[in-house]
PDB file of N, CA and C in Angstrom:
ATOM      1  N   MET A   1      85.691 106.034  88.281  1.00  0.00           N
ATOM      2  CA  MET A   1      86.546 105.571  89.476  1.00  0.00           C
ATOM      3  C   MET A   1      85.365 106.338  90.886  1.00  0.00           C
ATOM      4  N   LEU A   2      84.758 105.483  91.687  1.00  0.00           N
ATOM      5  CA  LEU A   2      83.634 105.705  92.371  1.00  0.00           C
ATOM      6  C   LEU A   2      84.298 106.647  93.807  1.00  0.00           C
ATOM      7  N   GLU A   3      83.773 107.615  94.345  1.00  0.00           N
ATOM      8  CA  GLU A   3      84.255 108.358  95.405  1.00  0.00           C
ATOM      9  C   GLU A   3      83.265 108.070  96.668  1.00  0.00           C
ATOM     10  N   PRO A   4      84.109 107.567  97.498  1.00  0.00           N
ATOM     11  CA  PRO A   4      83.384 107.144  98.769  1.00  0.00           C
ATOM     12  C   PRO A   4      82.769 108.283  99.326  1.00  0.00           C
ATOM     13  N   SER A   5      81.748 107.684 100.167  1.00  0.00           N
ATOM     14  CA  SER A   5      80.885 108.186 101.015  1.00  0.00           C
ATOM     15  C   SER A   5      81.829 109.150 101.509  1.00  0.00           C
ATOM     16  N   ARG A   6      80.909 110.333 102.496  1.00  0.00           N
ATOM     17  CA  ARG A   6      81.730 111.381 102.836  1.00  0.00           C
ATOM     18  C   ARG A   6      82.099 110.468 104.478  1.00  0.00           C
ATOM     19  N   ASP A   7      80.988 109.481 104.906  1.00  0.00           N
ATOM     20  CA  ASP A   7      81.194 108.936 106.266  1.00  0.00           C
ATOM     21  C   ASP A   7      82.201 107.682 106.396  1.00  0.00           C
ATOM     22  N   ALA A   8      82.401 107.153 105.214  1.00  0.00           N
ATOM     23  CA  ALA A   8      83.191 106.334 105.104  1.00  0.00           C
ATOM     24  C   ALA A   8      84.552 106.356 105.752  1.00  0.00           C
ATOM     25  N   TYR A   9      84.907 107.763 106.121  1.00  0.00           N
ATOM     26  CA  TYR A   9      86.276 107.255 106.691  1.00  0.00           C
ATOM     27  C   TYR A   9      85.748 108.629 108.338  1.00  0.00           C
ATOM     28  N   SER A  10      84.279 108.902 108.463  1.00  0.00           N
ATOM     29  CA  SER A  10      84.680 109.397 109.853  1.00  0.00           C
ATOM     30  C   SER A  10      85.064 109.315 111.228  1.00  0.00           C
ATOM     31  N   ARG A  11      85.192 107.939 111.349  1.00  0.00           N
ATOM     32  CA  ARG A  11      85.644 107.442 112.228  1.00  0.00           C
ATOM     33  C   ARG A  11      87.490 107.805 112.052  1.00  0.00           C
ATOM     34  N   GLN A  12      87.859 107.556 111.014  1.00  0.00           N
ATOM     35  CA  GLN A  12      89.424 108.188 111.077  1.00  0.00           C
ATOM     36  C   GLN A  12      89.378 110.208 111.042  1.00  0.00           C
ATOM     37  N   ALA A  13      88.248 110.358 110.466  1.00  0.00           N
ATOM     38  CA  ALA A  13      88.427 112.358 110.649  1.00  0.00           C
ATOM     39  C   ALA A  13      88.424 112.835 111.943  1.00  0.00           C
ATOM     40  N   GLN A  14      87.564 111.863 113.038  1.00  0.00           N
ATOM     41  CA  GLN A  14      87.681 112.525 114.491  1.00  0.00           C
ATOM     42  C   GLN A  14      88.976 112.123 115.183  1.00  0.00           C
ATOM     43  N   ALA A  15      89.885 110.958 114.583  1.00  0.00           N
ATOM     44  CA  ALA A  15      90.671 110.829 115.230  1.00  0.00           C
ATOM     45  C   ALA A  15      91.642 111.413 114.829  1.00  0.00           C
ATOM     46  N   LEU A  16      91.552 112.180 113.390  1.00  0.00           N
ATOM     47  CA  LEU A  16      92.615 112.751 112.910  1.00  0.00           C
ATOM     48  C   LEU A  16      92.702 114.278 112.548  1.00  0.00           C
ATOM     49  N   GLY A  17      91.191 114.507 112.790  1.00  0.00           N
ATOM     50  CA  GLY A  17      90.973 115.852 112.512  1.00  0.00           C
ATOM     51  C   GLY A  17      90.362 115.802 110.889  1.00  0.00           C
ATOM     52  N   GLU A  18      89.167 116.769 110.900  1.00  0.00           N
ATOM     53  CA  GLU A  18      88.809 116.592 109.660  1.00  0.00           C
ATOM     54  C   GLU A  18      90.260 117.011 108.537  1.00  0.00           C
ATOM     55  N   GLU A  19      91.042 118.158 109.057  1.00  0.00           N
ATOM     56  CA  GLU A  19      91.819 118.673 107.861  1.00  0.00           C
ATOM     57  C   GLU A  19      93.047 117.888 108.034  1.00  0.00           C
ATOM     58  N   ALA A  20      93.377 116.743 108.637  1.00  0.00           N
ATOM     59  CA  ALA A  20      94.083 115.832 107.946  1.00  0.00           C
ATOM     60  C   ALA A  20      93.673 115.156 107.260  1.00  0.00           C
ATOM     61  N   GLN A  21      92.324 114.740 107.797  1.00  0.00           N
ATOM     62  CA  GLN A  21      91.651 113.480 106.911  1.00  0.00           C
ATOM     63  C   GLN A  21      91.558 114.139 105.121  1.00  0.00           C
ATOM     64  N   GLN A  22      91.236 115.820 105.249  1.00  0.00           N
ATOM     65  CA  GLN A  22      91.289 116.025 103.862  1.00  0.00           C
ATOM     66  C   GLN A  22      92.504 115.767 103.203  1.00  0.00           C
ATOM     67  N   ARG A  23      93.622 116.226 103.638  1.00  0.00           N
ATOM     68  CA  ARG A  23      95.053 115.945 103.506  1.00  0.00           C
ATOM     69  C   ARG A  23      95.436 114.459 102.914  1.00  0.00           C
ATOM     70  N   VAL A  24      94.818 113.521 104.022  1.00  0.00           N
ATOM     71  CA  VAL A  24      95.106 112.342 103.106  1.00  0.00           C
ATOM     72  C   VAL A  24      94.543 111.797 101.992  1.00  0.00           C
ATOM     73  N   ALA A  25      92.913 112.531 101.667  1.00  0.00           N
ATOM     74  CA  ALA A  25      92.363 112.025 100.592  1.00  0.00           C
ATOM     75  C   ALA A  25      92.850 113.123  99.290  1.00  0.00           C
ATOM     76  N   ALA A  26      93.866 113.736  99.503  1.00  0.00           N
ATOM     77  CA  ALA A  26      94.271 114.962  98.293  1.00  0.00           C
ATOM     78  C   ALA A  26      95.663 113.863  98.443  1.00  0.00           C
ATOM     79  N   ALA A  27      96.621 113.092  99.086  1.00  0.00           N
ATOM     80  CA  ALA A  27      97.674 112.567  98.643  1.00  0.00           C
ATOM     81  C   ALA A  27      97.863 112.044  97.730  1.00  0.00           C
ATOM     82  N   SER A  28      99.346 111.556  97.024  1.00  0.00           N
ATOM     83  CA  SER A  28      99.655 110.560  96.101  1.00  0.00           C
ATOM     84  C   SER A  28     100.598 110.482  96.688  1.00  0.00           C
ATOM     85  N   VAL A  29     100.714 108.595  96.848  1.00  0.00           N
ATOM     86  CA  VAL A  29     102.001 108.518  97.462  1.00  0.00           C
ATOM     87  C   VAL A  29     102.727 107.084  96.321  1.00  0.00           C
ATOM     88  N   LEU A  30     103.651 106.870  96.340  1.00  0.00           N
ATOM     89  CA  LEU A  30     104.487 105.961  95.830  1.00  0.00           C
ATOM     90  C   LEU A  30     105.053 104.855  96.671  1.00  0.00           C
ATOM     91  N   VAL A  31     104.713 103.994  96.355  1.00  0.00           N
ATOM     92  CA  VAL A  31     104.635 102.381  97.272  1.00  0.00           C
ATOM     93  C   VAL A  31     106.520 101.868  96.444  1.00  0.00           C
ATOM     94  N   VAL A  32     107.472 101.379  96.891  1.00  0.00           N
ATOM     95  CA  VAL A  32     108.444 101.176  95.654  1.00  0.00           C
ATOM     96  C   VAL A  32     108.379  99.579  96.326  1.00  0.00           C
ATOM     97  N   GLY A  33     108.218  98.486  96.338  1.00  0.00           N
ATOM     98  CA  GLY A  33     108.717  97.073  96.599  1.00  0.00           C
ATOM     99  C   GLY A  33     107.285  96.282  97.267  1.00  0.00           C
ATOM    100  N   LEU A  34     106.937  95.796  96.329  1.00  0.00           N
ATOM    101  CA  LEU A  34     105.409  95.033  96.798  1.00  0.00           C
ATOM    102  C   LEU A  34     105.851  93.888  97.365  1.00  0.00           C
ATOM    103  N   GLY A  35     106.898  93.581  98.246  1.00  0.00           N
ATOM    104  CA  GLY A  35     107.023  92.413  99.276  1.00  0.00           C
ATOM    105  C   GLY A  35     105.918  92.231  99.998  1.00  0.00           C
ATOM    106  N   GLY A  36     106.054  91.460 101.234  1.00  0.00           N
ATOM    107  CA  GLY A  36     105.339  91.363 102.414  1.00  0.00           C
ATOM    108  C   GLY A  36     104.725  92.640 102.936  1.00  0.00           C
ATOM    109  N   CYS A  37     105.555  93.349 103.129  1.00  0.00           N
ATOM    110  CA  CYS A  37     105.508  94.678 103.862  1.00  0.00           C
ATOM    111  C   CYS A  37     104.911  95.746 102.882  1.00  0.00           C
ATOM    112  N   GLY A  38     105.662  95.583 101.588  1.00  0.00           N
ATOM    113  CA  GLY A  38     105.184  96.994 100.623  1.00  0.00           C
ATOM    114  C   GLY A  38     103.220  96.347 100.530  1.00  0.00           C
ATOM    115  N   ALA A  39     103.410  95.342 100.152  1.00  0.00           N
ATOM    116  CA  ALA A  39     101.846  95.295  99.780  1.00  0.00           C
ATOM    117  C   ALA A  39     100.675  95.528 100.908  1.00  0.00           C
ATOM    118  N   GLU A  40     101.248  95.228 101.991  1.00  0.00           N
ATOM    119  CA  GLU A  40     100.312  95.125 103.361  1.00  0.00           C
ATOM    120  C   GLU A  40     100.329  97.024 103.423  1.00  0.00           C
ATOM    121  N   VAL A  41     101.340  97.366 103.353  1.00  0.00           N
ATOM    122  CA  VAL A  41     101.163  99.157 102.930  1.00  0.00           C
ATOM    123  C   VAL A  41     100.406  99.713 101.683  1.00  0.00           C
ATOM    124  N   ALA A  42     100.614  99.447 100.925  1.00  0.00           N
ATOM    125  CA  ALA A  42     100.003  99.497  99.991  1.00  0.00           C
ATOM    126  C   ALA A  42      98.483  99.351 100.097  1.00  0.00           C
ATOM    127  N   LYS A  43      97.925  98.433 100.563  1.00  0.00           N
ATOM    128  CA  LYS A  43      96.787  97.885 101.020  1.00  0.00           C
ATOM    129  C   LYS A  43      96.038  98.806 102.241  1.00  0.00           C
ATOM    130  N   ASN A  44      96.862  99.467 102.928  1.00  0.00           N
ATOM    131  CA  ASN A  44      96.418 100.323 104.020  1.00  0.00           C
ATOM    132  C   ASN A  44      95.874 101.659 103.554  1.00  0.00           C
ATOM    133  N   LEU A  45      97.234 102.201 102.755  1.00  0.00           N
ATOM    134  CA  LEU A  45      97.483 103.325 102.193  1.00  0.00           C
ATOM    135  C   LEU A  45      95.800 103.481 101.303  1.00  0.00           C
ATOM    136  N   VAL A  46      95.248 102.330 100.611  1.00  0.00           N
ATOM    137  CA  VAL A  46      94.453 102.809 100.079  1.00  0.00           C
ATOM    138  C   VAL A  46      93.167 102.239 100.572  1.00  0.00           C
ATOM    139  N   LEU A  47      93.149 101.600 101.654  1.00  0.00           N
ATOM    140  CA  LEU A  47      91.841 101.570 102.820  1.00  0.00           C
ATOM    141  C   LEU A  47      91.841 102.818 103.599  1.00  0.00           C
ATOM    142  N   SER A  48      92.886 103.436 103.447  1.00  0.00           N
ATOM    143  CA  SER A  48      92.576 104.842 104.844  1.00  0.00           C
ATOM    144  C   SER A  48      92.306 106.291 103.676  1.00  0.00           C
ATOM    145  N   GLY A  49      91.922 105.756 102.236  1.00  0.00           N
ATOM    146  CA  GLY A  49      91.569 107.125 101.494  1.00  0.00           C
ATOM    147  C   GLY A  49      92.506 107.683 100.687  1.00  0.00           C
ATOM    148  N   VAL A  50      93.511 107.454 100.836  1.00  0.00           N
ATOM    149  CA  VAL A  50      94.664 108.098 100.098  1.00  0.00           C
ATOM    150  C   VAL A  50      94.372 108.411  98.418  1.00  0.00           C
ATOM    151  N   ARG A  51      94.166 109.185  98.141  1.00  0.00           N
ATOM    152  CA  ARG A  51      93.551 109.501  96.387  1.00  0.00           C
ATOM    153  C   ARG A  51      94.427 108.640  95.232  1.00  0.00           C
ATOM    154  N   CYS A  52      95.744 108.982  95.352  1.00  0.00           N
ATOM    155  CA  CYS A  52      96.647 108.225  93.987  1.00  0.00           C
ATOM    156  C   CYS A  52      97.558 107.132  94.864  1.00  0.00           C
ATOM    157  N   VAL A  53      97.556 105.662  94.940  1.00  0.00           N
ATOM    158  CA  VAL A  53      98.411 105.213  95.422  1.00  0.00           C
ATOM    159  C   VAL A  53      99.380 104.263  93.670  1.00  0.00           C
ATOM    160  N   CYS A  54     100.680 104.740  93.412  1.00  0.00           N
ATOM    161  CA  CYS A  54     101.035 104.210  92.563  1.00  0.00           C
ATOM    162  C   CYS A  54     102.039 103.545  93.183  1.00  0.00           C
ATOM    163  N   LEU A  55     102.429 101.988  92.652  1.00  0.00           N
ATOM    164  CA  LEU A  55     103.130 100.804  92.498  1.00  0.00           C
ATOM    165  C   LEU A  55     104.336 100.855  91.814  1.00  0.00           C
ATOM    166  N   HIS A  56     105.102 100.435  92.195  1.00  0.00           N
ATOM    167  CA  HIS A  56     106.329 100.361  91.608  1.00  0.00           C
ATOM    168  C   HIS A  56     107.163  99.091  91.928  1.00  0.00           C
ATOM    169  N   ASP A  57     107.254  98.156  91.209  1.00  0.00           N
ATOM    170  CA  ASP A  57     108.379  96.775  91.453  1.00  0.00           C
ATOM    171  C   ASP A  57     108.660  95.923  90.831  1.00  0.00           C
ATOM    172  N   ASP A  58     110.062  96.004  90.355  1.00  0.00           N
ATOM    173  CA  ASP A  58     110.856  95.483  89.123  1.00  0.00           C
ATOM    174  C   ASP A  58     110.729  93.978  89.022  1.00  0.00           C
ATOM    175  N   GLU A  59     110.326  93.514  90.553  1.00  0.00           N
ATOM    176  CA  GLU A  59     110.538  92.168  90.886  1.00  0.00           C
ATOM    177  C   GLU A  59     108.966  90.957  90.318  1.00  0.00           C
ATOM    178  N   ALA A  60     109.459  89.912  89.971  1.00  0.00           N
ATOM    179  CA  ALA A  60     108.502  89.053  89.084  1.00  0.00           C
ATOM    180  C   ALA A  60     107.937  88.574  89.942  1.00  0.00           C
ATOM    181  N   ALA A  61     106.321  88.251  90.177  1.00  0.00           N
ATOM    182  CA  ALA A  61     105.841  87.508  91.203  1.00  0.00           C
ATOM    183  C   ALA A  61     106.510  86.305  91.396  1.00  0.00           C
ATOM    184  N   THR A  62     106.514  85.563  92.809  1.00  0.00           N
ATOM    185  CA  THR A  62     107.171  84.149  92.762  1.00  0.00           C
ATOM    186  C   THR A  62     106.344  83.394  93.812  1.00  0.00           C
ATOM    187  N   PRO A  63     106.200  81.773  93.887  1.00  0.00           N
ATOM    188  CA  PRO A  63     105.805  81.253  94.792  1.00  0.00           C
ATOM    189  C   PRO A  63     105.245  81.418  95.987  1.00  0.00           C
ATOM    190  N   ASP A  64     106.559  82.118  96.321  1.00  0.00           N
ATOM    191  CA  ASP A  64     107.004  82.729  98.013  1.00  0.00           C
ATOM    192  C   ASP A  64     106.150  83.748  98.239  1.00  0.00           C
ATOM    193  N   ASP A  65     105.860  84.735  97.286  1.00  0.00           N
ATOM    194  CA  ASP A  65     105.105  86.146  97.280  1.00  0.00           C
ATOM    195  C   ASP A  65     103.620  85.624  97.657  1.00  0.00           C
ATOM    196  N   MET A  66     103.089  84.403  97.489  1.00  0.00           N
ATOM    197  CA  MET A  66     101.991  83.977  97.509  1.00  0.00           C
ATOM    198  C   MET A  66     101.305  83.928  99.151  1.00  0.00           C
ATOM    199  N   THR A  67     102.458  83.858 100.134  1.00  0.00           N
ATOM    200  CA  THR A  67     102.021  83.788 101.152  1.00  0.00           C
ATOM    201  C   THR A  67     101.898  84.894 101.923  1.00  0.00           C
ATOM    202  N   SER A  68     102.597  86.005 101.512  1.00  0.00           N
ATOM    203  CA  SER A  68     102.194  87.027 101.821  1.00  0.00           C
ATOM    204  C   SER A  68     101.623  88.389 101.049  1.00  0.00           C
ATOM    205  N   GLN A  69     100.806  88.082 100.095  1.00  0.00           N
ATOM    206  CA  GLN A  69      99.946  88.545  99.056  1.00  0.00           C
ATOM    207  C   GLN A  69      99.132  88.208  98.966  1.00  0.00           C
ATOM    208  N   VAL A  70      97.945  88.355  99.377  1.00  0.00           N
ATOM    209  CA  VAL A  70      96.569  87.346  99.394  1.00  0.00           C
ATOM    210  C   VAL A  70      95.817  87.930  98.428  1.00  0.00           C
ATOM    211  N   ARG A  71      95.929  88.700  97.872  1.00  0.00           N
ATOM    212  CA  ARG A  71      95.392  89.131  96.255  1.00  0.00           C
ATOM    213  C   ARG A  71      96.115  88.060  95.098  1.00  0.00           C
ATOM    214  N   GLN A  72      97.542  87.762  95.742  1.00  0.00           N
ATOM    215  CA  GLN A  72      97.742  87.331  94.093  1.00  0.00           C
ATOM    216  C   GLN A  72      97.252  85.770  93.829  1.00  0.00           C
ATOM    217  N   VAL A  73      97.042  85.606  92.419  1.00  0.00           N
ATOM    218  CA  VAL A  73      96.629  84.179  91.946  1.00  0.00           C
ATOM    219  C   VAL A  73      97.496  83.514  91.596  1.00  0.00           C
ATOM    220  N   SER A  74      97.480  82.263  91.695  1.00  0.00           N
ATOM    221  CA  SER A  74      98.337  81.585  90.883  1.00  0.00           C
ATOM    222  C   SER A  74      99.144  81.665  89.459  1.00  0.00           C
ATOM    223  N   CYS A  75      98.428  81.679  88.899  1.00  0.00           N
ATOM    224  CA  CYS A  75      97.838  81.867  87.622  1.00  0.00           C
ATOM    225  C   CYS A  75      99.156  83.385  87.050  1.00  0.00           C
ATOM    226  N   SER A  76      99.324  84.083  88.010  1.00  0.00           N
ATOM    227  CA  SER A  76      99.895  85.377  87.898  1.00  0.00           C
ATOM    228  C   SER A  76     101.741  85.296  88.255  1.00  0.00           C
ATOM    229  N   LEU A  77     101.863  84.315  88.890  1.00  0.00           N
ATOM    230  CA  LEU A  77     103.094  83.963  88.941  1.00  0.00           C
ATOM    231  C   LEU A  77     104.300  84.394  87.381  1.00  0.00           C
ATOM    232  N   SER A  78     105.154  85.097  87.734  1.00  0.00           N
ATOM    233  CA  SER A  78     106.279  85.502  86.887  1.00  0.00           C
ATOM    234  C   SER A  78     105.978  86.728  86.059  1.00  0.00           C
ATOM    235  N   ARG A  79     104.697  87.173  86.311  1.00  0.00           N
ATOM    236  CA  ARG A  79     104.143  88.859  85.918  1.00  0.00           C
ATOM    237  C   ARG A  79     104.664  89.724  87.150  1.00  0.00           C
ATOM    238  N   PRO A  80     105.097  90.934  86.465  1.00  0.00           N
ATOM    239  CA  PRO A  80     105.371  91.596  87.509  1.00  0.00           C
ATOM    240  C   PRO A  80     104.369  92.180  88.648  1.00  0.00           C
ATOM    241  N   SER A  81     105.461  92.208  89.865  1.00  0.00           N
ATOM    242  CA  SER A  81     104.409  92.349  90.956  1.00  0.00           C
ATOM    243  C   SER A  81     103.169  93.240  91.171  1.00  0.00           C
ATOM    244  N   PRO A  82     103.774  94.317  90.526  1.00  0.00           N
ATOM    245  CA  PRO A  82     102.512  95.368  90.682  1.00  0.00           C
ATOM    246  C   PRO A  82     101.017  94.889  89.877  1.00  0.00           C
ATOM    247  N   HIS A  83     101.557  94.012  88.934  1.00  0.00           N
ATOM    248  CA  HIS A  83     100.205  93.326  88.148  1.00  0.00           C
ATOM    249  C   HIS A  83      99.930  92.067  88.403  1.00  0.00           C
ATOM    250  N   ALA A  84     100.716  91.223  89.514  1.00  0.00           N
ATOM    251  CA  ALA A  84     100.230  90.033  89.946  1.00  0.00           C
ATOM    252  C   ALA A  84      98.736  89.944  90.554  1.00  0.00           C
ATOM    253  N   SER A  85      98.180  90.906  91.116  1.00  0.00           N
ATOM    254  CA  SER A  85      96.909  91.042  91.933  1.00  0.00           C
ATOM    255  C   SER A  85      95.631  90.621  90.511  1.00  0.00           C
ATOM    256  N   GLU A  86      96.136  91.482  89.267  1.00  0.00           N
ATOM    257  CA  GLU A  86      95.141  91.379  88.425  1.00  0.00           C
ATOM    258  C   GLU A  86      94.692  89.733  87.773  1.00  0.00           C
ATOM    259  N   ARG A  87      93.586  89.464  87.781  1.00  0.00           N
ATOM    260  CA  ARG A  87      93.546  88.430  86.870  1.00  0.00           C
ATOM    261  C   ARG A  87      93.342  88.363  85.565  1.00  0.00           C
ATOM    262  N   PRO A  88      94.642  87.330  84.959  1.00  0.00           N
ATOM    263  CA  PRO A  88      94.709  87.605  83.313  1.00  0.00           C
ATOM    264  C   PRO A  88      93.313  86.569  82.664  1.00  0.00           C
ATOM    265  N   SER A  89      93.186  87.328  81.806  1.00  0.00           N
ATOM    266  CA  SER A  89      92.008  86.230  80.913  1.00  0.00           C
ATOM    267  C   SER A  89      91.822  84.754  80.999  1.00  0.00           C
ATOM    268  N   SER A  90      93.169  84.633  81.082  1.00  0.00           N
ATOM    269  CA  SER A  90      93.676  82.921  80.966  1.00  0.00           C
ATOM    270  C   SER A  90      93.514  82.200  82.217  1.00  0.00           C
ATOM    271  N   CYS A  91      93.249  82.793  83.072  1.00  0.00           N
ATOM    272  CA  CYS A  91      92.912  82.134  84.574  1.00  0.00           C
ATOM    273  C   CYS A  91      91.554  81.705  84.714  1.00  0.00           C
TER     274      CYS A  91
END
C-alpha cells in the first residue's frame, strides 16, 4: 500500500490541528451498511486519511444501488455490496 505524502492532508491538518490529523491517520473504522449514505461515508473516510476502513454489508448489490454507489458496475449485481465495486475478471 502506498503511503500518502505528508502534504496530502496539510489543509486538513491546518483546520483540525496536527495532533488530530495524526489520530485520524492512526484510526481504524468499521462501516456497517453500504447503502447510499454508508458508501459515501466510507469514501470520505478513505479520502480523509483514515488508516483502515473495514466494510460490512450482508446485502447483495441491486440495480437500485447503482444510483447511489458511483463505483459499482452492472456486472457486479448480486455480489455482496462490499465487493460490488471490484471489477470481476468476466466484466
